[in-house]
Amino acid sequence: MRRFYDEYVKDSDRVEEESLLRVADGYPRPTVHDLRRTATTHMSKHGLGKEVRSRILNHKDLSVDAIYDRYAYFEEKAEALQGWHAYLKRLLQKEFGDVDWVEFYGRRMELVTCTEQD
């Protein structure tokens, strides 16, 4: 994520054209933990319990009952992550229209990777 962000902000024309990230002086660059914190806060706001949030974040449960609770919460985690995906997709669509960002940046990153390897 740091490499992507650092490369992104080097190209001021691209930042201006796409407006994908709000880059401002004095703000630290985003980290993966910022994404985790934002996703967890969103899920809390929408009523997802601490047990499922902790499992999504892959936090170790040190409580006594964790020894006995072997349920994996797959369905609950999947539902929560699908909700988070839908929320992010709506934000991007609102801002940029129907651009498939995963496909767009996936292809761009493939080109960068191929160029770096040559």
Protein backbone atom coordinates (compact mmCIF):
# COMPACT_ATOMS: atom_id res chain seq x y z
CA MET A 1 0.00 0.00 0.00
CA ARG A 2 2.84 2.39 0.80
CA ARG A 3 4.52 1.72 -2.51
CA PHE A 4 1.24 2.26 -4.37
CA TYR A 5 0.54 5.49 -2.49
CA ASP A 6 4.08 6.82 -2.90
CA GLU A 7 4.04 6.08 -6.64
CA TYR A 8 0.58 7.58 -6.97
CA VAL A 9 1.40 10.90 -5.32
CA LYS A 10 4.58 11.33 -7.39
CA ASP A 11 2.39 11.89 -10.44
CA SER A 12 0.59 15.13 -9.56
CA ASP A 13 -1.20 15.22 -12.93
CA ARG A 14 -2.65 11.78 -12.25
CA VAL A 15 -3.73 12.76 -8.74
CA GLU A 16 -5.44 15.85 -10.13
CA GLU A 17 -7.06 13.98 -13.03
CA GLU A 18 -8.37 10.99 -11.06
CA SER A 19 -8.92 12.61 -7.66
CA LEU A 20 -8.88 9.09 -6.26
CA LEU A 21 -6.95 10.08 -3.13
CA ARG A 22 -7.22 13.35 -1.31
CA VAL A 23 -3.56 14.21 -0.90
CA ALA A 24 -2.86 17.11 1.48
CA ASP A 25 0.23 18.52 3.09
CA GLY A 26 0.62 17.62 6.73
CA TYR A 27 -1.42 14.41 6.56
CA PRO A 28 0.41 11.11 6.97
CA ARG A 29 0.15 8.61 4.16
CA PRO A 30 -2.46 5.91 4.70
CA THR A 31 -1.51 2.49 6.00
CA VAL A 32 -3.14 -0.92 5.92
CA HIS A 33 -4.13 -0.43 9.56
CA ASP A 34 -6.09 2.67 8.55
CA LEU A 35 -8.15 0.47 6.25
CA ARG A 36 -8.66 -2.11 9.01
CA ARG A 37 -9.72 0.59 11.46
CA THR A 38 -12.12 2.18 8.96
CA ALA A 39 -13.69 -1.16 8.02
CA THR A 40 -14.11 -2.17 11.66
CA THR A 41 -15.68 1.16 12.57
CA HIS A 42 -18.09 0.85 9.65
CA MET A 43 -19.08 -2.67 10.72
CA SER A 44 -19.58 -1.55 14.33
CA LYS A 45 -21.79 1.30 13.15
CA HIS A 46 -23.94 -1.22 11.29
CA GLY A 47 -24.38 -3.45 14.32
CA LEU A 48 -21.85 -6.20 13.73
CA GLY A 49 -20.85 -7.78 17.03
CA LYS A 50 -17.36 -7.70 18.47
CA GLU A 51 -16.94 -11.47 18.12
CA VAL A 52 -17.33 -11.41 14.33
CA ARG A 53 -15.32 -8.19 13.92
CA SER A 54 -12.45 -9.70 15.89
CA ARG A 55 -12.52 -12.81 13.74
CA ILE A 56 -12.50 -10.75 10.55
CA LEU A 57 -9.44 -8.92 11.86
CA ASN A 58 -7.96 -12.29 12.84
CA HIS A 59 -7.43 -11.22 16.45
CA LYS A 60 -6.59 -13.97 18.87
CA ASP A 61 -9.32 -14.56 21.43
CA LEU A 62 -7.78 -15.16 24.83
CA SER A 63 -11.04 -15.52 26.71
CA VAL A 64 -11.91 -18.70 28.58
CA ASP A 65 -14.88 -19.56 26.36
CA ALA A 66 -12.71 -19.29 23.20
CA ILE A 67 -11.33 -22.71 24.05
CA TYR A 68 -14.81 -24.18 23.71
CA ASP A 69 -16.21 -22.06 20.88
CA ARG A 70 -14.96 -23.67 17.67
CA TYR A 71 -17.57 -22.12 15.41
CA ALA A 72 -15.82 -20.39 12.47
CA TYR A 73 -18.43 -17.65 11.78
CA PHE A 74 -17.92 -18.05 8.02
CA GLU A 75 -21.42 -16.92 7.06
CA GLU A 76 -21.37 -13.93 9.40
CA LYS A 77 -17.93 -12.84 8.21
CA ALA A 78 -18.93 -13.24 4.57
CA GLU A 79 -22.09 -11.18 5.07
CA ALA A 80 -20.18 -8.42 6.88
CA LEU A 81 -17.45 -8.27 4.23
CA GLN A 82 -20.02 -8.25 1.42
CA GLY A 83 -21.68 -5.30 3.14
CA TRP A 84 -18.33 -3.50 3.39
CA HIS A 85 -17.65 -4.22 -0.28
CA ALA A 86 -21.05 -2.86 -1.29
CA TYR A 87 -20.47 0.27 0.78
CA LEU A 88 -17.07 0.92 -0.84
CA LYS A 89 -18.46 0.24 -4.29
CA ARG A 90 -21.28 2.77 -3.69
CA LEU A 91 -18.75 5.38 -2.57
CA LEU A 92 -16.64 4.88 -5.67
CA GLN A 93 -19.68 4.89 -7.97
CA LYS A 94 -20.96 8.08 -6.38
CA GLU A 95 -17.60 9.75 -6.91
CA PHE A 96 -16.49 8.28 -10.25
CA GLY A 97 -19.43 6.54 -11.93
CA ASP A 98 -19.32 2.94 -13.09
CA VAL A 99 -15.54 2.47 -13.26
CA ASP A 100 -14.36 -1.01 -12.30
CA TRP A 101 -11.45 0.08 -10.09
CA VAL A 102 -10.26 -3.43 -9.37
CA GLU A 103 -9.99 -4.16 -13.07
CA PHE A 104 -8.56 -0.72 -13.85
CA TYR A 105 -5.84 -0.78 -11.23
CA GLY A 106 -5.23 -4.49 -11.65
CA ARG A 107 -4.31 -3.92 -15.27
CA ARG A 108 -2.26 -0.84 -14.43
CA MET A 109 -0.35 -2.71 -11.72
CA GLU A 110 0.27 -5.60 -14.13
CA LEU A 111 1.79 -3.14 -16.60
CA VAL A 112 3.97 -1.58 -13.88
CA THR A 113 5.11 -5.02 -12.70
CA CYS A 114 5.90 -6.16 -16.26
CA THR A 115 7.81 -2.93 -16.95
CA GLU A 116 9.84 -3.26 -13.73
CA GLN A 117 10.77 -6.86 -14.59
CA ASP A 118 12.03 -5.95 -18.09
